């Protein structure tokens, strides 16, 4: 997740700014899977808004892959495991 690194840099660079506070709340909401008022994104400056969008893109992609892994786990758990195939004897 590269966006989280960029958000961290932004928060360290501008710790007291309104945009930093909003980004911090967005990051916490994503981590905790809690609600976040989208109207707060409107108050972000351009750089912070772009970071917020990237953060949400990364989060969405991570969720997609996590869901696919769960699907594979379910499918594989329900499939019978075939017996191993014996190797043919070596030819002379």
PDB file of N, CA and C in Angstrom:
ATOM      1  N   UNK A   1       0.855  -1.184   0.000  1.00  0.00           N
ATOM      2  CA  UNK A   1       0.000   0.000   0.000  1.00  0.00           C
ATOM      3  C   UNK A   1       0.895   1.238   0.000  1.00  0.00           C
ATOM      4  N   UNK A   2       1.162   1.759  -1.172  1.00  0.00           N
ATOM      5  CA  UNK A   2       2.008   2.942  -1.293  1.00  0.00           C
ATOM      6  C   UNK A   2       1.310   4.206  -0.830  1.00  0.00           C
ATOM      7  N   UNK A   3       0.006   4.275  -0.999  1.00  0.00           N
ATOM      8  CA  UNK A   3      -0.728   5.483  -0.624  1.00  0.00           C
ATOM      9  C   UNK A   3      -0.593   5.756   0.870  1.00  0.00           C
ATOM     10  N   UNK A   4      -0.584   4.728   1.671  1.00  0.00           N
ATOM     11  CA  UNK A   4      -0.483   4.944   3.122  1.00  0.00           C
ATOM     12  C   UNK A   4       0.856   5.584   3.476  1.00  0.00           C
ATOM     13  N   UNK A   5       1.903   5.231   2.740  1.00  0.00           N
ATOM     14  CA  UNK A   5       3.211   5.853   2.970  1.00  0.00           C
ATOM     15  C   UNK A   5       3.171   7.332   2.609  1.00  0.00           C
ATOM     16  N   UNK A   6       2.506   7.641   1.502  1.00  0.00           N
ATOM     17  CA  UNK A   6       2.393   9.038   1.077  1.00  0.00           C
ATOM     18  C   UNK A   6       1.533   9.848   2.053  1.00  0.00           C
ATOM     19  N   UNK A   7       0.482   9.242   2.553  1.00  0.00           N
ATOM     20  CA  UNK A   7      -0.354   9.921   3.556  1.00  0.00           C
ATOM     21  C   UNK A   7       0.468  10.186   4.807  1.00  0.00           C
ATOM     22  N   UNK A   8       1.258   9.219   5.212  1.00  0.00           N
ATOM     23  CA  UNK A   8       2.113   9.393   6.400  1.00  0.00           C
ATOM     24  C   UNK A   8       3.073  10.567   6.209  1.00  0.00           C
ATOM     25  N   UNK A   9       3.700  10.650   5.032  1.00  0.00           N
ATOM     26  CA  UNK A   9       4.609  11.763   4.745  1.00  0.00           C
ATOM     27  C   UNK A   9       3.870  13.099   4.822  1.00  0.00           C
ATOM     28  N   UNK A  10       2.659  13.130   4.270  1.00  0.00           N
ATOM     29  CA  UNK A  10       1.854  14.350   4.283  1.00  0.00           C
ATOM     30  C   UNK A  10       1.537  14.750   5.726  1.00  0.00           C
ATOM     31  N   UNK A  11       1.154  13.780   6.537  1.00  0.00           N
ATOM     32  CA  UNK A  11       0.806  14.069   7.931  1.00  0.00           C
ATOM     33  C   UNK A  11       2.016  14.587   8.712  1.00  0.00           C
ATOM     34  N   UNK A  12       3.193  14.055   8.406  1.00  0.00           N
ATOM     35  CA  UNK A  12       4.405  14.527   9.079  1.00  0.00           C
ATOM     36  C   UNK A  12       4.818  15.909   8.589  1.00  0.00           C
ATOM     37  N   UNK A  13       4.554  16.185   7.313  1.00  0.00           N
ATOM     38  CA  UNK A  13       4.930  17.470   6.722  1.00  0.00           C
ATOM     39  C   UNK A  13       3.993  18.596   7.176  1.00  0.00           C
ATOM     40  N   UNK A  14       2.700  18.289   7.329  1.00  0.00           N
ATOM     41  CA  UNK A  14       1.701  19.302   7.672  1.00  0.00           C
ATOM     42  C   UNK A  14       0.820  18.809   8.818  1.00  0.00           C
ATOM     43  N   UNK A  15       1.410  18.569   9.983  1.00  0.00           N
ATOM     44  CA  UNK A  15       0.661  17.908  11.061  1.00  0.00           C
ATOM     45  C   UNK A  15      -0.548  18.671  11.600  1.00  0.00           C
ATOM     46  N   UNK A  16      -0.519  19.979  11.599  1.00  0.00           N
ATOM     47  CA  UNK A  16      -1.626  20.728  12.185  1.00  0.00           C
ATOM     48  C   UNK A  16      -2.652  21.228  11.193  1.00  0.00           C
ATOM     49  N   UNK A  17      -2.445  20.934   9.913  1.00  0.00           N
ATOM     50  CA  UNK A  17      -3.354  21.473   8.902  1.00  0.00           C
ATOM     51  C   UNK A  17      -4.709  20.771   8.936  1.00  0.00           C
ATOM     52  N   UNK A  18      -5.708  21.466   8.430  1.00  0.00           N
ATOM     53  CA  UNK A  18      -7.052  20.894   8.372  1.00  0.00           C
ATOM     54  C   UNK A  18      -7.058  19.651   7.475  1.00  0.00           C
ATOM     55  N   UNK A  19      -6.315  19.706   6.370  1.00  0.00           N
ATOM     56  CA  UNK A  19      -6.253  18.557   5.467  1.00  0.00           C
ATOM     57  C   UNK A  19      -5.625  17.344   6.149  1.00  0.00           C
ATOM     58  N   UNK A  20      -4.595  17.568   6.941  1.00  0.00           N
ATOM     59  CA  UNK A  20      -3.954  16.459   7.650  1.00  0.00           C
ATOM     60  C   UNK A  20      -4.927  15.813   8.633  1.00  0.00           C
ATOM     61  N   UNK A  21      -5.704  16.632   9.306  1.00  0.00           N
ATOM     62  CA  UNK A  21      -6.680  16.086  10.264  1.00  0.00           C
ATOM     63  C   UNK A  21      -7.736  15.250   9.553  1.00  0.00           C
ATOM     64  N   UNK A  22      -8.184  15.726   8.403  1.00  0.00           N
ATOM     65  CA  UNK A  22      -9.191  14.975   7.641  1.00  0.00           C
ATOM     66  C   UNK A  22      -8.596  13.670   7.113  1.00  0.00           C
ATOM     67  N   UNK A  23      -7.387  13.744   6.563  1.00  0.00           N
ATOM     68  CA  UNK A  23      -6.734  12.528   6.071  1.00  0.00           C
ATOM     69  C   UNK A  23      -6.514  11.521   7.187  1.00  0.00           C
ATOM     70  N   UNK A  24      -6.158  12.001   8.365  1.00  0.00           N
ATOM     71  CA  UNK A  24      -5.966  11.101   9.504  1.00  0.00           C
ATOM     72  C   UNK A  24      -7.280  10.416   9.873  1.00  0.00           C
ATOM     73  N   UNK A  25      -8.382  11.169   9.857  1.00  0.00           N
ATOM     74  CA  UNK A  25      -9.687  10.567  10.165  1.00  0.00           C
ATOM     75  C   UNK A  25     -10.096   9.566   9.088  1.00  0.00           C
ATOM     76  N   UNK A  26      -9.832   9.896   7.823  1.00  0.00           N
ATOM     77  CA  UNK A  26     -10.148   8.968   6.737  1.00  0.00           C
ATOM     78  C   UNK A  26      -9.342   7.675   6.884  1.00  0.00           C
ATOM     79  N   UNK A  27      -8.067   7.816   7.171  1.00  0.00           N
ATOM     80  CA  UNK A  27      -7.203   6.648   7.343  1.00  0.00           C
ATOM     81  C   UNK A  27      -7.699   5.773   8.482  1.00  0.00           C
ATOM     82  N   UNK A  28      -8.066   6.397   9.594  1.00  0.00           N
ATOM     83  CA  UNK A  28      -8.592   5.640  10.734  1.00  0.00           C
ATOM     84  C   UNK A  28      -9.903   4.955  10.372  1.00  0.00           C
ATOM     85  N   UNK A  29     -10.772   5.645   9.651  1.00  0.00           N
ATOM     86  CA  UNK A  29     -12.057   5.059   9.256  1.00  0.00           C
ATOM     87  C   UNK A  29     -11.855   3.847   8.355  1.00  0.00           C
ATOM     88  N   UNK A  30     -10.893   3.937   7.451  1.00  0.00           N
ATOM     89  CA  UNK A  30     -10.605   2.800   6.573  1.00  0.00           C
ATOM     90  C   UNK A  30     -10.054   1.634   7.385  1.00  0.00           C
ATOM     91  N   UNK A  31      -9.133   1.922   8.285  1.00  0.00           N
ATOM     92  CA  UNK A  31      -8.524   0.864   9.100  1.00  0.00           C
ATOM     93  C   UNK A  31      -9.550   0.181   9.996  1.00  0.00           C
ATOM     94  N   UNK A  32     -10.466   0.961  10.534  1.00  0.00           N
ATOM     95  CA  UNK A  32     -11.469   0.428  11.464  1.00  0.00           C
ATOM     96  C   UNK A  32     -12.746  -0.015  10.759  1.00  0.00           C
ATOM     97  N   UNK A  33     -12.797   0.200   9.443  1.00  0.00           N
ATOM     98  CA  UNK A  33     -13.989  -0.082   8.650  1.00  0.00           C
ATOM     99  C   UNK A  33     -15.220   0.597   9.246  1.00  0.00           C
ATOM    100  N   UNK A  34     -15.040   1.878   9.568  1.00  0.00           N
ATOM    101  CA  UNK A  34     -16.142   2.661  10.121  1.00  0.00           C
ATOM    102  C   UNK A  34     -16.559   3.731   9.112  1.00  0.00           C
ATOM    103  N   UNK A  35     -17.634   4.413   9.412  1.00  0.00           N
ATOM    104  CA  UNK A  35     -18.166   5.423   8.501  1.00  0.00           C
ATOM    105  C   UNK A  35     -17.276   6.670   8.469  1.00  0.00           C
ATOM    106  N   UNK A  36     -17.298   7.323   7.304  1.00  0.00           N
ATOM    107  CA  UNK A  36     -16.575   8.578   7.122  1.00  0.00           C
ATOM    108  C   UNK A  36     -17.450   9.473   6.257  1.00  0.00           C
ATOM    109  N   UNK A  37     -17.720  10.710   6.709  1.00  0.00           N
ATOM    110  CA  UNK A  37     -18.558  11.609   5.904  1.00  0.00           C
ATOM    111  C   UNK A  37     -17.810  12.099   4.660  1.00  0.00           C
ATOM    112  N   UNK A  38     -18.315  11.724   3.499  1.00  0.00           N
ATOM    113  CA  UNK A  38     -17.662  12.108   2.249  1.00  0.00           C
ATOM    114  C   UNK A  38     -17.604  13.613   2.054  1.00  0.00           C
ATOM    115  N   UNK A  39     -18.499  14.347   2.692  1.00  0.00           N
ATOM    116  CA  UNK A  39     -18.486  15.806   2.558  1.00  0.00           C
ATOM    117  C   UNK A  39     -17.180  16.404   3.070  1.00  0.00           C
ATOM    118  N   UNK A  40     -16.479  15.696   3.964  1.00  0.00           N
ATOM    119  CA  UNK A  40     -15.195  16.201   4.467  1.00  0.00           C
ATOM    120  C   UNK A  40     -14.125  16.218   3.381  1.00  0.00           C
ATOM    121  N   UNK A  41     -14.266  15.355   2.380  1.00  0.00           N
ATOM    122  CA  UNK A  41     -13.283  15.326   1.299  1.00  0.00           C
ATOM    123  C   UNK A  41     -13.267  16.646   0.533  1.00  0.00           C
ATOM    124  N   UNK A  42     -14.399  17.313   0.508  1.00  0.00           N
ATOM    125  CA  UNK A  42     -14.509  18.589  -0.201  1.00  0.00           C
ATOM    126  C   UNK A  42     -13.602  19.647   0.423  1.00  0.00           C
ATOM    127  N   UNK A  43     -13.334  19.534   1.717  1.00  0.00           N
ATOM    128  CA  UNK A  43     -12.515  20.527   2.416  1.00  0.00           C
ATOM    129  C   UNK A  43     -11.011  20.321   2.199  1.00  0.00           C
ATOM    130  N   UNK A  44     -10.630  19.214   1.579  1.00  0.00           N
ATOM    131  CA  UNK A  44      -9.207  18.934   1.369  1.00  0.00           C
ATOM    132  C   UNK A  44      -8.625  19.818   0.274  1.00  0.00           C
ATOM    133  N   UNK A  45      -7.338  20.173   0.431  1.00  0.00           N
ATOM    134  CA  UNK A  45      -6.656  20.853  -0.665  1.00  0.00           C
ATOM    135  C   UNK A  45      -6.369  19.825  -1.759  1.00  0.00           C
ATOM    136  N   UNK A  46      -5.918  20.280  -2.908  1.00  0.00           N
ATOM    137  CA  UNK A  46      -5.735  19.393  -4.051  1.00  0.00           C
ATOM    138  C   UNK A  46      -4.825  18.212  -3.785  1.00  0.00           C
ATOM    139  N   UNK A  47      -3.677  18.446  -3.174  1.00  0.00           N
ATOM    140  CA  UNK A  47      -2.716  17.371  -2.888  1.00  0.00           C
ATOM    141  C   UNK A  47      -3.324  16.348  -1.943  1.00  0.00           C
ATOM    142  N   UNK A  48      -3.967  16.821  -0.894  1.00  0.00           N
ATOM    143  CA  UNK A  48      -4.557  15.912   0.084  1.00  0.00           C
ATOM    144  C   UNK A  48      -5.731  15.142  -0.519  1.00  0.00           C
ATOM    145  N   UNK A  49      -6.515  15.794  -1.384  1.00  0.00           N
ATOM    146  CA  UNK A  49      -7.624  15.106  -2.034  1.00  0.00           C
ATOM    147  C   UNK A  49      -7.106  13.955  -2.895  1.00  0.00           C
ATOM    148  N   UNK A  50      -6.052  14.220  -3.664  1.00  0.00           N
ATOM    149  CA  UNK A  50      -5.459  13.160  -4.492  1.00  0.00           C
ATOM    150  C   UNK A  50      -4.966  11.999  -3.628  1.00  0.00           C
ATOM    151  N   UNK A  51      -4.361  12.322  -2.488  1.00  0.00           N
ATOM    152  CA  UNK A  51      -3.910  11.270  -1.574  1.00  0.00           C
ATOM    153  C   UNK A  51      -5.092  10.464  -1.032  1.00  0.00           C
ATOM    154  N   UNK A  52      -6.176  11.149  -0.705  1.00  0.00           N
ATOM    155  CA  UNK A  52      -7.366  10.466  -0.192  1.00  0.00           C
ATOM    156  C   UNK A  52      -7.916   9.493  -1.232  1.00  0.00           C
ATOM    157  N   UNK A  53      -7.957   9.926  -2.480  1.00  0.00           N
ATOM    158  CA  UNK A  53      -8.456   9.063  -3.552  1.00  0.00           C
ATOM    159  C   UNK A  53      -7.537   7.854  -3.727  1.00  0.00           C
ATOM    160  N   UNK A  54      -6.222   8.075  -3.719  1.00  0.00           N
ATOM    161  CA  UNK A  54      -5.272   6.966  -3.835  1.00  0.00           C
ATOM    162  C   UNK A  54      -5.395   6.000  -2.663  1.00  0.00           C
ATOM    163  N   UNK A  55      -5.579   6.541  -1.474  1.00  0.00           N
ATOM    164  CA  UNK A  55      -5.753   5.706  -0.289  1.00  0.00           C
ATOM    165  C   UNK A  55      -6.981   4.820  -0.440  1.00  0.00           C
ATOM    166  N   UNK A  56      -8.077   5.388  -0.926  1.00  0.00           N
ATOM    167  CA  UNK A  56      -9.296   4.604  -1.117  1.00  0.00           C
ATOM    168  C   UNK A  56      -9.137   3.591  -2.250  1.00  0.00           C
ATOM    169  N   UNK A  57      -8.388   3.948  -3.292  1.00  0.00           N
ATOM    170  CA  UNK A  57      -8.120   2.983  -4.371  1.00  0.00           C
ATOM    171  C   UNK A  57      -7.338   1.775  -3.844  1.00  0.00           C
ATOM    172  N   UNK A  58      -6.287   2.057  -3.080  1.00  0.00           N
ATOM    173  CA  UNK A  58      -5.489   0.976  -2.501  1.00  0.00           C
ATOM    174  C   UNK A  58      -6.335   0.100  -1.588  1.00  0.00           C
ATOM    175  N   UNK A  59      -7.165   0.731  -0.764  1.00  0.00           N
ATOM    176  CA  UNK A  59      -8.027  -0.009   0.154  1.00  0.00           C
ATOM    177  C   UNK A  59      -8.977  -0.907  -0.638  1.00  0.00           C
ATOM    178  N   UNK A  60      -9.557  -0.357  -1.692  1.00  0.00           N
ATOM    179  CA  UNK A  60     -10.507  -1.129  -2.499  1.00  0.00           C
ATOM    180  C   UNK A  60      -9.809  -2.316  -3.159  1.00  0.00           C
ATOM    181  N   UNK A  61      -8.622  -2.099  -3.693  1.00  0.00           N
ATOM    182  CA  UNK A  61      -7.870  -3.171  -4.323  1.00  0.00           C
ATOM    183  C   UNK A  61      -7.504  -4.251  -3.307  1.00  0.00           C
ATOM    184  N   UNK A  62      -7.072  -3.847  -2.124  1.00  0.00           N
ATOM    185  CA  UNK A  62      -6.752  -4.810  -1.063  1.00  0.00           C
ATOM    186  C   UNK A  62      -7.984  -5.627  -0.698  1.00  0.00           C
ATOM    187  N   UNK A  63      -9.146  -4.978  -0.609  1.00  0.00           N
ATOM    188  CA  UNK A  63     -10.387  -5.684  -0.288  1.00  0.00           C
ATOM    189  C   UNK A  63     -10.746  -6.685  -1.379  1.00  0.00           C
ATOM    190  N   UNK A  64     -10.526  -6.302  -2.636  1.00  0.00           N
ATOM    191  CA  UNK A  64     -10.808  -7.180  -3.766  1.00  0.00           C
ATOM    192  C   UNK A  64      -9.963  -8.453  -3.667  1.00  0.00           C
ATOM    193  N   UNK A  65      -8.658  -8.294  -3.440  1.00  0.00           N
ATOM    194  CA  UNK A  65      -7.789  -9.460  -3.350  1.00  0.00           C
ATOM    195  C   UNK A  65      -8.106 -10.306  -2.126  1.00  0.00           C
ATOM    196  N   UNK A  66      -8.462  -9.677  -1.021  1.00  0.00           N
ATOM    197  CA  UNK A  66      -8.839 -10.432   0.175  1.00  0.00           C
ATOM    198  C   UNK A  66     -10.089 -11.266  -0.100  1.00  0.00           C
ATOM    199  N   UNK A  67     -11.050 -10.701  -0.817  1.00  0.00           N
ATOM    200  CA  UNK A  67     -12.270 -11.439  -1.151  1.00  0.00           C
ATOM    201  C   UNK A  67     -11.956 -12.607  -2.074  1.00  0.00           C
ATOM    202  N   UNK A  68     -11.051 -12.403  -3.023  1.00  0.00           N
ATOM    203  CA  UNK A  68     -10.678 -13.502  -3.934  1.00  0.00           C
ATOM    204  C   UNK A  68      -9.986 -14.621  -3.185  1.00  0.00           C
ATOM    205  N   UNK A  69      -9.132 -14.284  -2.240  1.00  0.00           N
ATOM    206  CA  UNK A  69      -8.449 -15.309  -1.455  1.00  0.00           C
ATOM    207  C   UNK A  69      -9.472 -16.115  -0.662  1.00  0.00           C
ATOM    208  N   UNK A  70     -10.456 -15.424  -0.065  1.00  0.00           N
ATOM    209  CA  UNK A  70     -11.506 -16.135   0.673  1.00  0.00           C
ATOM    210  C   UNK A  70     -12.277 -17.060  -0.252  1.00  0.00           C
ATOM    211  N   UNK A  71     -12.574 -16.608  -1.467  1.00  0.00           N
ATOM    212  CA  UNK A  71     -13.289 -17.431  -2.435  1.00  0.00           C
ATOM    213  C   UNK A  71     -12.481 -18.681  -2.762  1.00  0.00           C
ATOM    214  N   UNK A  72     -11.191 -18.533  -3.019  1.00  0.00           N
ATOM    215  CA  UNK A  72     -10.346 -19.692  -3.301  1.00  0.00           C
ATOM    216  C   UNK A  72     -10.326 -20.647  -2.121  1.00  0.00           C
ATOM    217  N   UNK A  73     -10.245 -20.123  -0.910  1.00  0.00           N
ATOM    218  CA  UNK A  73     -10.255 -20.968   0.275  1.00  0.00           C
ATOM    219  C   UNK A  73     -11.533 -21.785   0.356  1.00  0.00           C
ATOM    220  N   UNK A  74     -12.674 -21.138   0.083  1.00  0.00           N
ATOM    221  CA  UNK A  74     -13.959 -21.835   0.142  1.00  0.00           C
ATOM    222  C   UNK A  74     -14.033 -22.912  -0.932  1.00  0.00           C
ATOM    223  N   UNK A  75     -13.658 -22.557  -2.153  1.00  0.00           N
ATOM    224  CA  UNK A  75     -13.718 -23.511  -3.261  1.00  0.00           C
ATOM    225  C   UNK A  75     -12.789 -24.696  -3.002  1.00  0.00           C
ATOM    226  N   UNK A  76     -11.592 -24.411  -2.586  1.00  0.00           N
ATOM    227  CA  UNK A  76     -10.626 -25.489  -2.349  1.00  0.00           C
ATOM    228  C   UNK A  76     -11.032 -26.368  -1.171  1.00  0.00           C
ATOM    229  N   UNK A  77     -11.676 -25.791  -0.174  1.00  0.00           N
ATOM    230  CA  UNK A  77     -12.117 -26.572   0.981  1.00  0.00           C
ATOM    231  C   UNK A  77     -13.239 -27.527   0.603  1.00  0.00           C
ATOM    232  N   UNK A  78     -14.049 -27.165  -0.389  1.00  0.00           N
ATOM    233  CA  UNK A  78     -15.182 -27.999  -0.797  1.00  0.00           C
ATOM    234  C   UNK A  78     -14.812 -29.034  -1.849  1.00  0.00           C
ATOM    235  N   UNK A  79     -13.685 -28.856  -2.518  1.00  0.00           N
ATOM    236  CA  UNK A  79     -13.288 -29.794  -3.571  1.00  0.00           C
ATOM    237  C   UNK A  79     -12.580 -30.992  -2.961  1.00  0.00           C
ATOM    238  N   UNK A  80     -12.923 -32.192  -3.434  1.00  0.00           N
ATOM    239  CA  UNK A  80     -12.179 -33.363  -2.949  1.00  0.00           C
ATOM    240  C   UNK A  80     -10.757 -33.341  -3.497  1.00  0.00           C
ATOM    241  N   UNK A  81      -9.842 -33.773  -2.703  1.00  0.00           N
ATOM    242  CA  UNK A  81      -8.442 -33.807  -3.128  1.00  0.00           C
ATOM    243  C   UNK A  81      -8.213 -35.103  -3.892  1.00  0.00           C
ATOM    244  N   UNK A  82      -7.779 -35.026  -5.163  1.00  0.00           N
ATOM    245  CA  UNK A  82      -7.555 -36.255  -5.930  1.00  0.00           C
ATOM    246  C   UNK A  82      -6.341 -36.999  -5.385  1.00  0.00           C
ATOM    247  N   UNK A  83      -6.367 -38.332  -5.501  1.00  0.00           N
ATOM    248  CA  UNK A  83      -5.200 -39.092  -5.031  1.00  0.00           C
ATOM    249  C   UNK A  83      -3.996 -38.793  -5.916  1.00  0.00           C
ATOM    250  N   UNK A  84      -2.802 -38.923  -5.363  1.00  0.00           N
ATOM    251  CA  UNK A  84      -1.613 -38.655  -6.180  1.00  0.00           C
ATOM    252  C   UNK A  84      -1.510 -39.669  -7.321  1.00  0.00           C
ATOM    253  N   UNK A  85      -1.022 -39.207  -8.436  1.00  0.00           N
ATOM    254  CA  UNK A  85      -0.849 -40.066  -9.607  1.00  0.00           C
ATOM    255  C   UNK A  85       0.536 -40.688  -9.527  1.00  0.00           C
ATOM    256  N   UNK A  86       0.549 -42.031  -9.686  1.00  0.00           N
ATOM    257  CA  UNK A  86       1.835 -42.729  -9.629  1.00  0.00           C
ATOM    258  C   UNK A  86       2.618 -42.430 -10.908  1.00  0.00           C
ATOM    259  N   UNK A  87       3.884 -42.218 -10.760  1.00  0.00           N
ATOM    260  CA  UNK A  87       4.736 -41.934 -11.911  1.00  0.00           C
ATOM    261  C   UNK A  87       4.966 -43.241 -12.669  1.00  0.00           C
ATOM    262  N   UNK A  88       4.984 -43.168 -14.014  1.00  0.00           N
ATOM    263  CA  UNK A  88       5.248 -44.408 -14.784  1.00  0.00           C
ATOM    264  C   UNK A  88       6.674 -44.893 -14.535  1.00  0.00           C
ATOM    265  N   UNK A  89       6.877 -46.202 -14.653  1.00  0.00           N
ATOM    266  CA  UNK A  89       8.254 -46.699 -14.436  1.00  0.00           C
ATOM    267  C   UNK A  89       9.170 -46.175 -15.529  1.00  0.00           C
ATOM    268  N   UNK A  90      10.423 -45.954 -15.193  1.00  0.00           N
ATOM    269  CA  UNK A  90      11.362 -45.448 -16.200  1.00  0.00           C
ATOM    270  C   UNK A  90      11.562 -46.474 -17.321  1.00  0.00           C
ATOM    271  N   UNK A  91      11.646 -45.979 -18.544  1.00  0.00           N
ATOM    272  CA  UNK A  91      11.863 -46.878 -19.686  1.00  0.00           C
ATOM    273  C   UNK A  91      13.335 -47.195 -19.814  1.00  0.00           C
ATOM    274  N   UNK A  92      13.608 -48.412 -20.381  1.00  0.00           N
ATOM    275  CA  UNK A  92      15.009 -48.832 -20.489  1.00  0.00           C
ATOM    276  C   UNK A  92      15.486 -48.746 -21.878  1.00  0.00           C
TER     277      UNK A  92
END
